[in-house]
Amino acid sequence: MSTADTSPAVQLVPGNTLITRTPDEGRHLAVKMARLIIKTT
């Protein structure tokens, strides 16, 4: 049985785009996405 079937949906791409206003925001988004991926696997 897969655990993916019971886990809540995670929105990895807020606003359906990865474009950020500043490079720093882009780095924060990348770190957040990486942490969410690791957490769900």
N, C-alpha and C. Protein backbone atom coordinates (compact mmCIF):
# COMPACT_ATOMS: atom_id res chain seq x y z
N MET A 1 0.85 -1.18 0.00
CA MET A 1 0.00 0.00 0.00
C MET A 1 0.89 1.24 0.00
N SER A 2 0.54 2.20 -0.81
CA SER A 2 1.33 3.41 -0.95
C SER A 2 0.92 4.46 0.08
N THR A 3 1.91 5.14 0.68
CA THR A 3 1.59 6.20 1.64
C THR A 3 1.17 7.47 0.93
N ALA A 4 1.46 7.57 -0.37
CA ALA A 4 1.08 8.76 -1.12
C ALA A 4 -0.43 8.90 -1.22
N ASP A 5 -1.15 7.79 -1.11
CA ASP A 5 -2.61 7.83 -1.21
C ASP A 5 -3.25 8.51 -0.01
N THR A 6 -2.61 8.45 1.15
CA THR A 6 -3.21 8.99 2.36
C THR A 6 -2.63 10.34 2.79
N SER A 7 -1.53 10.77 2.17
CA SER A 7 -0.91 12.03 2.59
C SER A 7 -1.67 13.22 1.97
N PRO A 8 -1.69 14.35 2.68
CA PRO A 8 -2.39 15.52 2.15
C PRO A 8 -1.64 16.11 0.96
N ALA A 9 -2.35 16.79 0.09
CA ALA A 9 -1.73 17.40 -1.08
C ALA A 9 -0.81 18.54 -0.63
N VAL A 10 0.36 18.59 -1.23
CA VAL A 10 1.33 19.63 -0.92
C VAL A 10 1.47 20.50 -2.15
N GLN A 11 1.26 21.80 -1.99
CA GLN A 11 1.42 22.71 -3.12
C GLN A 11 2.87 23.15 -3.18
N LEU A 12 3.59 22.62 -4.17
CA LEU A 12 5.01 22.93 -4.29
C LEU A 12 5.27 24.19 -5.09
N VAL A 13 4.33 24.56 -5.94
CA VAL A 13 4.51 25.72 -6.80
C VAL A 13 3.42 26.74 -6.50
N PRO A 14 3.67 27.64 -5.53
CA PRO A 14 2.66 28.62 -5.18
C PRO A 14 2.37 29.56 -6.36
N GLY A 15 1.10 29.78 -6.63
CA GLY A 15 0.73 30.67 -7.73
C GLY A 15 1.05 30.09 -9.10
N ASN A 16 1.39 28.79 -9.15
CA ASN A 16 1.70 28.08 -10.39
C ASN A 16 2.90 28.68 -11.14
N THR A 17 3.83 29.30 -10.41
CA THR A 17 5.05 29.84 -11.01
C THR A 17 6.21 29.76 -10.02
N LEU A 18 7.40 29.64 -10.53
CA LEU A 18 8.59 29.63 -9.69
C LEU A 18 9.34 30.96 -9.76
N ILE A 19 8.79 31.91 -10.49
CA ILE A 19 9.43 33.23 -10.61
C ILE A 19 9.20 34.01 -9.32
N THR A 20 10.28 34.54 -8.76
CA THR A 20 10.20 35.31 -7.52
C THR A 20 10.68 36.73 -7.79
N ARG A 21 10.34 37.63 -6.88
CA ARG A 21 10.72 39.04 -7.05
C ARG A 21 12.21 39.26 -6.90
N THR A 22 12.85 38.50 -6.00
CA THR A 22 14.28 38.68 -5.75
C THR A 22 14.98 37.32 -5.75
N PRO A 23 16.29 37.31 -5.98
CA PRO A 23 17.04 36.06 -5.89
C PRO A 23 16.94 35.43 -4.50
N ASP A 24 16.89 36.25 -3.46
CA ASP A 24 16.79 35.73 -2.10
C ASP A 24 15.47 34.98 -1.90
N GLU A 25 14.38 35.53 -2.42
CA GLU A 25 13.09 34.83 -2.34
C GLU A 25 13.15 33.51 -3.09
N GLY A 26 13.86 33.50 -4.21
CA GLY A 26 14.02 32.26 -4.99
C GLY A 26 14.76 31.20 -4.20
N ARG A 27 15.80 31.61 -3.48
CA ARG A 27 16.54 30.65 -2.65
C ARG A 27 15.67 30.10 -1.54
N HIS A 28 14.89 30.98 -0.90
CA HIS A 28 13.99 30.53 0.17
C HIS A 28 12.94 29.56 -0.37
N LEU A 29 12.42 29.84 -1.55
CA LEU A 29 11.44 28.94 -2.17
C LEU A 29 12.07 27.59 -2.48
N ALA A 30 13.30 27.60 -2.99
CA ALA A 30 13.99 26.34 -3.31
C ALA A 30 14.22 25.51 -2.06
N VAL A 31 14.62 26.14 -0.97
CA VAL A 31 14.85 25.42 0.29
C VAL A 31 13.52 24.85 0.81
N LYS A 32 12.47 25.66 0.75
CA LYS A 32 11.16 25.20 1.22
C LYS A 32 10.69 23.99 0.41
N MET A 33 10.85 24.06 -0.91
CA MET A 33 10.44 22.94 -1.76
C MET A 33 11.25 21.68 -1.43
N ALA A 34 12.54 21.84 -1.24
CA ALA A 34 13.39 20.69 -0.93
C ALA A 34 12.97 20.06 0.40
N ARG A 35 12.68 20.88 1.39
CA ARG A 35 12.26 20.35 2.68
C ARG A 35 10.93 19.63 2.59
N LEU A 36 9.99 20.16 1.79
CA LEU A 36 8.70 19.50 1.63
C LEU A 36 8.84 18.17 0.92
N ILE A 37 9.71 18.12 -0.08
CA ILE A 37 9.95 16.87 -0.83
C ILE A 37 10.52 15.81 0.12
N ILE A 38 11.51 16.20 0.92
CA ILE A 38 12.12 15.26 1.84
C ILE A 38 11.12 14.79 2.88
N LYS A 39 10.27 15.70 3.37
CA LYS A 39 9.29 15.39 4.38
C LYS A 39 8.25 14.39 3.86
N THR A 40 7.86 14.49 2.59
CA THR A 40 6.81 13.63 2.05
C THR A 40 7.33 12.29 1.56
N THR A 41 8.64 12.12 1.47
CA THR A 41 9.15 10.84 0.96
C THR A 41 9.61 9.95 2.08
